[in-house]
PDB file of N, CA and C in Angstrom:
ATOM      1  N   MET A   1       1.099  -0.711   0.355  1.00  0.00           N
ATOM      2  CA  MET A   1       0.170   0.116  -0.131  1.00  0.00           C
ATOM      3  C   MET A   1       0.741   1.431   0.175  1.00  0.00           C
ATOM      4  N   ASP A   2       0.295   2.027  -0.995  1.00  0.00           N
ATOM      5  CA  ASP A   2       1.520   3.537  -1.232  1.00  0.00           C
ATOM      6  C   ASP A   2       0.138   4.793  -0.803  1.00  0.00           C
ATOM      7  N   HIS A   3       0.651   5.528  -0.905  1.00  0.00           N
ATOM      8  CA  HIS A   3      -0.088   6.880  -0.733  1.00  0.00           C
ATOM      9  C   HIS A   3       0.469   8.186  -1.685  1.00  0.00           C
ATOM     10  N   VAL A   4      -0.409   9.122  -1.974  1.00  0.00           N
ATOM     11  CA  VAL A   4      -0.145  10.139  -2.898  1.00  0.00           C
ATOM     12  C   VAL A   4      -0.770  11.228  -2.164  1.00  0.00           C
ATOM     13  N   GLU A   5      -0.120  12.409  -1.894  1.00  0.00           N
ATOM     14  CA  GLU A   5      -0.760  13.722  -1.237  1.00  0.00           C
ATOM     15  C   GLU A   5      -0.505  15.015  -2.490  1.00  0.00           C
ATOM     16  N   SER A   6      -1.825  15.801  -2.780  1.00  0.00           N
ATOM     17  CA  SER A   6      -1.595  16.511  -3.939  1.00  0.00           C
ATOM     18  C   SER A   6      -2.388  17.906  -3.048  1.00  0.00           C
ATOM     19  N   LEU A   7      -1.891  19.398  -3.395  1.00  0.00           N
ATOM     20  CA  LEU A   7      -2.702  20.124  -3.233  1.00  0.00           C
ATOM     21  C   LEU A   7      -3.255  21.081  -3.867  1.00  0.00           C
ATOM     22  N   ILE A   8      -4.139  21.732  -4.007  1.00  0.00           N
ATOM     23  CA  ILE A   8      -5.255  22.288  -4.901  1.00  0.00           C
ATOM     24  C   ILE A   8      -5.304  23.557  -4.376  1.00  0.00           C
ATOM     25  N   GLN A   9      -4.807  24.735  -4.984  1.00  0.00           N
ATOM     26  CA  GLN A   9      -5.175  26.373  -4.794  1.00  0.00           C
ATOM     27  C   GLN A   9      -6.791  26.138  -4.943  1.00  0.00           C
ATOM     28  N   VAL A  10      -7.261  27.036  -3.947  1.00  0.00           N
ATOM     29  CA  VAL A  10      -8.700  27.508  -3.826  1.00  0.00           C
ATOM     30  C   VAL A  10      -8.910  28.936  -3.987  1.00  0.00           C
ATOM     31  N   ALA A  11      -7.891  29.647  -3.712  1.00  0.00           N
ATOM     32  CA  ALA A  11      -7.779  31.052  -3.773  1.00  0.00           C
ATOM     33  C   ALA A  11      -6.807  31.790  -4.446  1.00  0.00           C
ATOM     34  N   PRO A  12      -7.410  32.756  -5.083  1.00  0.00           N
ATOM     35  CA  PRO A  12      -6.521  33.361  -6.452  1.00  0.00           C
ATOM     36  C   PRO A  12      -5.335  33.476  -5.873  1.00  0.00           C
ATOM     37  N   ASP A  13      -5.218  34.667  -5.016  1.00  0.00           N
ATOM     38  CA  ASP A  13      -3.829  35.072  -4.607  1.00  0.00           C
ATOM     39  C   ASP A  13      -3.022  33.929  -3.728  1.00  0.00           C
ATOM     40  N   GLY A  14      -3.010  32.526  -4.225  1.00  0.00           N
ATOM     41  CA  GLY A  14      -2.308  31.957  -3.472  1.00  0.00           C
ATOM     42  C   GLY A  14      -2.136  31.784  -1.768  1.00  0.00           C
ATOM     43  N   THR A  15      -3.201  32.670  -1.030  1.00  0.00           N
ATOM     44  CA  THR A  15      -3.403  32.230   0.524  1.00  0.00           C
ATOM     45  C   THR A  15      -4.605  31.675   0.545  1.00  0.00           C
ATOM     46  N   GLY A  16      -4.666  31.593   1.872  1.00  0.00           N
ATOM     47  CA  GLY A  16      -5.746  30.972   2.504  1.00  0.00           C
ATOM     48  C   GLY A  16      -5.968  29.994   2.541  1.00  0.00           C
ATOM     49  N   LYS A  17      -7.306  29.024   1.719  1.00  0.00           N
ATOM     50  CA  LYS A  17      -6.698  27.469   1.779  1.00  0.00           C
ATOM     51  C   LYS A  17      -6.402  27.142   0.698  1.00  0.00           C
ATOM     52  N   LYS A  18      -6.477  25.908   0.631  1.00  0.00           N
ATOM     53  CA  LYS A  18      -6.109  24.880  -0.237  1.00  0.00           C
ATOM     54  C   LYS A  18      -6.572  23.580   0.131  1.00  0.00           C
ATOM     55  N   LEU A  19      -7.077  22.479  -1.107  1.00  0.00           N
ATOM     56  CA  LEU A  19      -7.571  21.505  -0.499  1.00  0.00           C
ATOM     57  C   LEU A  19      -6.607  20.266  -1.263  1.00  0.00           C
ATOM     58  N   ARG A  20      -6.609  19.716   0.006  1.00  0.00           N
ATOM     59  CA  ARG A  20      -5.657  18.835   0.500  1.00  0.00           C
ATOM     60  C   ARG A  20      -6.132  17.093  -0.021  1.00  0.00           C
ATOM     61  N   THR A  21      -5.568  16.457  -0.866  1.00  0.00           N
ATOM     62  CA  THR A  21      -6.085  15.183  -1.427  1.00  0.00           C
ATOM     63  C   THR A  21      -5.293  14.392  -1.049  1.00  0.00           C
ATOM     64  N   PHE A  22      -5.595  12.969  -0.391  1.00  0.00           N
ATOM     65  CA  PHE A  22      -5.136  12.070  -0.393  1.00  0.00           C
ATOM     66  C   PHE A  22      -5.171  11.095  -0.814  1.00  0.00           C
ATOM     67  N   GLN A  23      -4.128  10.360  -1.209  1.00  0.00           N
ATOM     68  CA  GLN A  23      -4.820   9.061  -2.285  1.00  0.00           C
ATOM     69  C   GLN A  23      -4.183   8.064  -1.538  1.00  0.00           C
ATOM     70  N   ILE A  24      -4.602   6.393  -1.591  1.00  0.00           N
ATOM     71  CA  ILE A  24      -3.899   5.406  -1.201  1.00  0.00           C
ATOM     72  C   ILE A  24      -4.598   4.627  -1.872  1.00  0.00           C
ATOM     73  N   ARG A  25      -3.031   3.713  -2.617  1.00  0.00           N
ATOM     74  CA  ARG A  25      -3.407   3.012  -3.105  1.00  0.00           C
ATOM     75  C   ARG A  25      -3.496   1.514  -2.754  1.00  0.00           C
ATOM     76  N   THR A  26      -4.495   0.601  -2.682  1.00  0.00           N
ATOM     77  CA  THR A  26      -4.128  -0.968  -1.982  1.00  0.00           C
ATOM     78  C   THR A  26      -4.960  -2.095  -3.152  1.00  0.00           C
ATOM     79  N   VAL A  27      -4.831  -3.059  -2.753  1.00  0.00           N
ATOM     80  CA  VAL A  27      -5.403  -3.757  -3.445  1.00  0.00           C
ATOM     81  C   VAL A  27      -6.330  -5.135  -2.398  1.00  0.00           C
ATOM     82  N   LEU A  28      -7.373  -5.333  -3.217  1.00  0.00           N
ATOM     83  CA  LEU A  28      -8.707  -5.859  -2.555  1.00  0.00           C
ATOM     84  C   LEU A  28      -8.251  -7.198  -2.157  1.00  0.00           C
ATOM     85  N   ASP A  29      -9.163  -7.751  -1.730  1.00  0.00           N
ATOM     86  CA  ASP A  29      -8.803  -9.424  -1.537  1.00  0.00           C
ATOM     87  C   ASP A  29      -9.089 -10.379  -2.686  1.00  0.00           C
ATOM     88  N   ASP A  30      -9.648  -9.542  -3.577  1.00  0.00           N
ATOM     89  CA  ASP A  30      -9.536 -10.608  -4.703  1.00  0.00           C
ATOM     90  C   ASP A  30      -8.190 -10.025  -5.974  1.00  0.00           C
ATOM     91  N   GLY A  31      -7.584  -9.206  -5.321  1.00  0.00           N
ATOM     92  CA  GLY A  31      -6.350  -9.168  -6.350  1.00  0.00           C
ATOM     93  C   GLY A  31      -6.595  -7.855  -7.021  1.00  0.00           C
ATOM     94  N   THR A  32      -8.080  -7.102  -6.996  1.00  0.00           N
ATOM     95  CA  THR A  32      -8.169  -5.982  -7.593  1.00  0.00           C
ATOM     96  C   THR A  32      -7.297  -4.911  -7.269  1.00  0.00           C
ATOM     97  N   PRO A  33      -6.835  -3.752  -7.885  1.00  0.00           N
ATOM     98  CA  PRO A  33      -6.356  -2.593  -7.480  1.00  0.00           C
ATOM     99  C   PRO A  33      -7.295  -1.482  -7.164  1.00  0.00           C
ATOM    100  N   ALA A  34      -7.149  -0.893  -5.879  1.00  0.00           N
ATOM    101  CA  ALA A  34      -8.337   0.080  -5.523  1.00  0.00           C
ATOM    102  C   ALA A  34      -7.058   1.450  -5.140  1.00  0.00           C
ATOM    103  N   THR A  35      -8.103   2.641  -5.546  1.00  0.00           N
ATOM    104  CA  THR A  35      -7.589   3.684  -5.033  1.00  0.00           C
ATOM    105  C   THR A  35      -8.802   4.068  -3.718  1.00  0.00           C
ATOM    106  N   VAL A  36      -8.442   4.749  -2.820  1.00  0.00           N
ATOM    107  CA  VAL A  36      -9.266   5.600  -1.899  1.00  0.00           C
ATOM    108  C   VAL A  36      -8.637   7.021  -1.244  1.00  0.00           C
ATOM    109  N   GLU A  37      -9.492   7.814  -2.010  1.00  0.00           N
ATOM    110  CA  GLU A  37      -9.147   9.619  -1.868  1.00  0.00           C
ATOM    111  C   GLU A  37      -9.634   9.989  -0.920  1.00  0.00           C
ATOM    112  N   ILE A  38      -9.355  10.981  -0.253  1.00  0.00           N
ATOM    113  CA  ILE A  38      -9.951  11.777   0.795  1.00  0.00           C
ATOM    114  C   ILE A  38      -9.560  13.303   0.647  1.00  0.00           C
ATOM    115  N   GLN A  39     -10.169  14.511   0.335  1.00  0.00           N
ATOM    116  CA  GLN A  39      -9.912  15.615   0.653  1.00  0.00           C
ATOM    117  C   GLN A  39     -10.172  16.295   1.572  1.00  0.00           C
ATOM    118  N   ALA A  40      -9.414  17.005   2.303  1.00  0.00           N
ATOM    119  CA  ALA A  40      -9.485  18.169   3.390  1.00  0.00           C
ATOM    120  C   ALA A  40      -8.950  19.299   2.880  1.00  0.00           C
ATOM    121  N   ALA A  41      -9.932  20.748   3.042  1.00  0.00           N
ATOM    122  CA  ALA A  41      -9.452  22.235   3.426  1.00  0.00           C
ATOM    123  C   ALA A  41      -8.336  22.349   4.532  1.00  0.00           C
ATOM    124  N   CYS A  42      -7.394  22.669   3.597  1.00  0.00           N
ATOM    125  CA  CYS A  42      -6.198  23.078   4.784  1.00  0.00           C
ATOM    126  C   CYS A  42      -5.868  24.973   4.804  1.00  0.00           C
ATOM    127  N   ILE A  43      -5.378  25.087   5.779  1.00  0.00           N
ATOM    128  CA  ILE A  43      -5.255  26.471   5.641  1.00  0.00           C
ATOM    129  C   ILE A  43      -3.293  26.413   5.558  1.00  0.00           C
ATOM    130  N   VAL A  44      -3.006  27.688   4.842  1.00  0.00           N
ATOM    131  CA  VAL A  44      -2.175  27.944   4.465  1.00  0.00           C
ATOM    132  C   VAL A  44      -1.552  29.473   4.482  1.00  0.00           C
ATOM    133  N   GLY A  45       0.177  29.408   4.843  1.00  0.00           N
ATOM    134  CA  GLY A  45       0.395  31.279   5.023  1.00  0.00           C
ATOM    135  C   GLY A  45       0.431  31.778   3.408  1.00  0.00           C
ATOM    136  N   ALA A  46       1.290  32.951   3.762  1.00  0.00           N
ATOM    137  CA  ALA A  46       1.305  33.855   2.908  1.00  0.00           C
ATOM    138  C   ALA A  46       2.094  33.748   1.515  1.00  0.00           C
ATOM    139  N   ASP A  47       2.989  32.708   2.128  1.00  0.00           N
ATOM    140  CA  ASP A  47       3.782  31.756   0.985  1.00  0.00           C
ATOM    141  C   ASP A  47       3.148  30.559  -0.169  1.00  0.00           C
ATOM    142  N   GLY A  48       1.518  30.568   0.345  1.00  0.00           N
ATOM    143  CA  GLY A  48       1.071  29.495   0.022  1.00  0.00           C
ATOM    144  C   GLY A  48       1.603  28.148   0.426  1.00  0.00           C
ATOM    145  N   LYS A  49       2.458  27.754   1.577  1.00  0.00           N
ATOM    146  CA  LYS A  49       2.684  26.473   2.585  1.00  0.00           C
ATOM    147  C   LYS A  49       1.613  26.180   3.389  1.00  0.00           C
ATOM    148  N   VAL A  50       1.317  24.659   3.491  1.00  0.00           N
ATOM    149  CA  VAL A  50       0.271  24.899   4.543  1.00  0.00           C
ATOM    150  C   VAL A  50       0.752  25.049   5.998  1.00  0.00           C
ATOM    151  N   LEU A  51      -0.031  25.570   6.716  1.00  0.00           N
ATOM    152  CA  LEU A  51       0.312  25.419   8.199  1.00  0.00           C
ATOM    153  C   LEU A  51       0.288  24.575   9.066  1.00  0.00           C
ATOM    154  N   ASP A  52       1.360  24.146   9.661  1.00  0.00           N
ATOM    155  CA  ASP A  52       1.126  23.219  10.913  1.00  0.00           C
ATOM    156  C   ASP A  52       0.730  23.778  11.871  1.00  0.00           C
ATOM    157  N   LEU A  53      -0.876  23.564  12.670  1.00  0.00           N
ATOM    158  CA  LEU A  53      -1.159  24.334  13.887  1.00  0.00           C
ATOM    159  C   LEU A  53      -1.418  23.333  14.561  1.00  0.00           C
ATOM    160  N   VAL A  54      -0.959  21.770  14.584  1.00  0.00           N
ATOM    161  CA  VAL A  54      -0.838  21.211  15.784  1.00  0.00           C
ATOM    162  C   VAL A  54       0.357  21.658  17.082  1.00  0.00           C
ATOM    163  N   ASP A  55       0.314  21.155  17.777  1.00  0.00           N
ATOM    164  CA  ASP A  55       1.370  21.144  19.116  1.00  0.00           C
ATOM    165  C   ASP A  55       1.646  20.346  18.661  1.00  0.00           C
ATOM    166  N   ALA A  56       3.059  19.800  18.325  1.00  0.00           N
ATOM    167  CA  ALA A  56       4.280  18.524  18.209  1.00  0.00           C
ATOM    168  C   ALA A  56       3.881  17.728  19.264  1.00  0.00           C
ATOM    169  N   GLU A  57       4.179  18.008  20.466  1.00  0.00           N
ATOM    170  CA  GLU A  57       3.923  17.267  21.682  1.00  0.00           C
ATOM    171  C   GLU A  57       2.722  16.712  21.884  1.00  0.00           C
ATOM    172  N   TRP A  58       1.292  17.472  21.324  1.00  0.00           N
ATOM    173  CA  TRP A  58       0.108  16.515  21.581  1.00  0.00           C
ATOM    174  C   TRP A  58      -0.075  15.765  20.556  1.00  0.00           C
ATOM    175  N   LYS A  59       0.374  15.845  19.268  1.00  0.00           N
ATOM    176  CA  LYS A  59       0.023  15.212  18.469  1.00  0.00           C
ATOM    177  C   LYS A  59       1.241  13.729  18.479  1.00  0.00           C
ATOM    178  N   ASP A  60       2.087  14.047  19.250  1.00  0.00           N
ATOM    179  CA  ASP A  60       2.678  12.658  19.999  1.00  0.00           C
ATOM    180  C   ASP A  60       1.907  11.731  20.704  1.00  0.00           C
ATOM    181  N   GLU A  61       1.481  12.444  21.648  1.00  0.00           N
ATOM    182  CA  GLU A  61       0.675  11.413  22.373  1.00  0.00           C
ATOM    183  C   GLU A  61      -0.278  11.153  21.761  1.00  0.00           C
ATOM    184  N   VAL A  62      -1.174  12.021  21.197  1.00  0.00           N
ATOM    185  CA  VAL A  62      -2.114  11.587  20.520  1.00  0.00           C
ATOM    186  C   VAL A  62      -2.136   9.945  19.298  1.00  0.00           C
ATOM    187  N   LEU A  63      -0.821   9.782  18.715  1.00  0.00           N
ATOM    188  CA  LEU A  63      -0.315   9.067  17.891  1.00  0.00           C
ATOM    189  C   LEU A  63       0.320   8.134  19.054  1.00  0.00           C
ATOM    190  N   THR A  64       0.918   7.815  20.072  1.00  0.00           N
ATOM    191  CA  THR A  64       0.901   6.883  21.178  1.00  0.00           C
ATOM    192  C   THR A  64      -0.137   6.238  21.562  1.00  0.00           C
ATOM    193  N   GLU A  65      -1.305   7.074  22.039  1.00  0.00           N
ATOM    194  CA  GLU A  65      -2.404   6.466  22.476  1.00  0.00           C
ATOM    195  C   GLU A  65      -3.629   5.634  21.100  1.00  0.00           C
ATOM    196  N   LEU A  66      -3.244   6.066  19.745  1.00  0.00           N
ATOM    197  CA  LEU A  66      -3.778   5.239  18.528  1.00  0.00           C
ATOM    198  C   LEU A  66      -3.265   3.842  18.631  1.00  0.00           C
ATOM    199  N   LYS A  67      -1.616   3.929  18.849  1.00  0.00           N
ATOM    200  CA  LYS A  67      -1.078   2.808  19.004  1.00  0.00           C
ATOM    201  C   LYS A  67      -1.366   1.836  19.686  1.00  0.00           C
ATOM    202  N   THR A  68      -1.491   2.130  20.974  1.00  0.00           N
ATOM    203  CA  THR A  68      -1.869   1.241  21.669  1.00  0.00           C
ATOM    204  C   THR A  68      -3.529   0.709  21.855  1.00  0.00           C
ATOM    205  N   ILE A  69      -3.880   1.737  21.359  1.00  0.00           N
ATOM    206  CA  ILE A  69      -5.694   1.122  21.149  1.00  0.00           C
ATOM    207  C   ILE A  69      -5.232   0.273  20.102  1.00  0.00           C
ATOM    208  N   ARG A  70      -4.662   0.642  19.045  1.00  0.00           N
ATOM    209  CA  ARG A  70      -4.752  -0.769  17.683  1.00  0.00           C
ATOM    210  C   ARG A  70      -4.539  -1.642  18.262  1.00  0.00           C
ATOM    211  N   ALA A  71      -3.205  -1.954  19.047  1.00  0.00           N
ATOM    212  CA  ALA A  71      -2.354  -2.976  19.638  1.00  0.00           C
ATOM    213  C   ALA A  71      -3.496  -3.443  20.398  1.00  0.00           C
ATOM    214  N   THR A  72      -4.042  -2.988  21.412  1.00  0.00           N
ATOM    215  CA  THR A  72      -5.288  -3.388  22.046  1.00  0.00           C
ATOM    216  C   THR A  72      -6.373  -4.744  21.596  1.00  0.00           C
ATOM    217  N   LEU A  73      -6.589  -3.600  20.581  1.00  0.00           N
ATOM    218  CA  LEU A  73      -8.045  -3.907  19.447  1.00  0.00           C
ATOM    219  C   LEU A  73      -7.077  -5.837  18.931  1.00  0.00           C
ATOM    220  N   TRP A  74      -6.474  -5.656  18.081  1.00  0.00           N
ATOM    221  CA  TRP A  74      -5.794  -6.723  17.468  1.00  0.00           C
ATOM    222  C   TRP A  74      -5.517  -7.874  18.594  1.00  0.00           C
ATOM    223  N   GLU A  75      -5.325  -7.849  19.801  1.00  0.00           N
ATOM    224  CA  GLU A  75      -4.698  -8.785  20.922  1.00  0.00           C
ATOM    225  C   GLU A  75      -5.932  -9.237  21.288  1.00  0.00           C
ATOM    226  N   MET A  76      -7.066  -8.580  21.561  1.00  0.00           N
ATOM    227  CA  MET A  76      -8.211  -8.790  21.777  1.00  0.00           C
ATOM    228  C   MET A  76      -9.466  -9.608  20.639  1.00  0.00           C
ATOM    229  N   LEU A  77      -8.761  -9.320  19.612  1.00  0.00           N
ATOM    230  CA  LEU A  77      -9.314 -10.137  18.293  1.00  0.00           C
ATOM    231  C   LEU A  77      -8.882 -11.406  18.328  1.00  0.00           C
ATOM    232  N   GLY A  78      -7.623 -11.873  18.539  1.00  0.00           N
ATOM    233  CA  GLY A  78      -7.096 -12.755  18.366  1.00  0.00           C
ATOM    234  C   GLY A  78      -7.509 -13.868  19.211  1.00  0.00           C
ATOM    235  N   ARG A  79      -7.734 -13.118  20.252  1.00  0.00           N
ATOM    236  CA  ARG A  79      -8.097 -13.651  22.072  1.00  0.00           C
ATOM    237  C   ARG A  79      -9.508 -14.295  21.498  1.00  0.00           C
ATOM    238  N   MET A  80     -10.644 -13.752  20.393  1.00  0.00           N
ATOM    239  CA  MET A  80     -12.035 -13.878  19.974  1.00  0.00           C
ATOM    240  C   MET A  80     -12.277 -14.906  18.997  1.00  0.00           C
ATOM    241  N   VAL A  81     -10.973 -14.704  17.821  1.00  0.00           N
ATOM    242  CA  VAL A  81     -11.188 -15.869  16.941  1.00  0.00           C
ATOM    243  C   VAL A  81     -10.614 -17.131  17.010  1.00  0.00           C
ATOM    244  N   PRO A  82     -10.505 -17.636  16.813  1.00  0.00           N
ATOM    245  CA  PRO A  82     -10.470 -19.340  17.045  1.00  0.00           C
ATOM    246  C   PRO A  82      -9.026 -19.640  16.048  1.00  0.00           C
ATOM    247  N   PRO A  83      -7.724 -19.911  16.497  1.00  0.00           N
ATOM    248  CA  PRO A  83      -6.782 -20.205  15.253  1.00  0.00           C
ATOM    249  C   PRO A  83      -7.119 -20.704  14.000  1.00  0.00           C
ATOM    250  N   GLY A  84      -6.846 -20.250  13.026  1.00  0.00           N
ATOM    251  CA  GLY A  84      -6.791 -20.698  11.744  1.00  0.00           C
ATOM    252  C   GLY A  84      -8.173 -20.192  10.936  1.00  0.00           C
ATOM    253  N   ALA A  85      -9.288 -19.344  11.928  1.00  0.00           N
ATOM    254  CA  ALA A  85     -10.153 -19.011  11.349  1.00  0.00           C
ATOM    255  C   ALA A  85      -9.891 -17.711  10.575  1.00  0.00           C
ATOM    256  N   SER A  86     -11.093 -17.354   9.687  1.00  0.00           N
ATOM    257  CA  SER A  86     -10.751 -16.227   8.657  1.00  0.00           C
ATOM    258  C   SER A  86     -11.234 -14.878   9.620  1.00  0.00           C
ATOM    259  N   LEU A  87     -10.503 -13.547   9.514  1.00  0.00           N
ATOM    260  CA  LEU A  87     -10.914 -12.626  10.135  1.00  0.00           C
ATOM    261  C   LEU A  87     -12.131 -11.447   9.308  1.00  0.00           C
ATOM    262  N   ARG A  88     -12.590 -12.101   8.197  1.00  0.00           N
ATOM    263  CA  ARG A  88     -13.217 -11.696   7.143  1.00  0.00           C
ATOM    264  C   ARG A  88     -14.727 -12.625   7.379  1.00  0.00           C
ATOM    265  N   SER A  89     -15.566 -12.072   7.263  1.00  0.00           N
ATOM    266  CA  SER A  89     -17.426 -12.460   7.203  1.00  0.00           C
ATOM    267  C   SER A  89     -17.633 -12.479   6.200  1.00  0.00           C
TER     268      SER A  89
END
């Protein structure tokens, strides 16, 4: 799985908002390639570069918490699914 990110200018003077597009390319279970695309408006500075408004320490704490939640969910799932059983319904 890989991803692509691009920006589309929505303000004529190069400032204000940009639409940020994220694409994730993956392969479905049957081998079919698929692309998921998400768009989000983001704030840019006078130079047209995206502003990072999130505190780095807070961001690290949230990412750590999400990783812990993911690991816990996978551990719980492993306990609920019999060995050798499919995780897909």
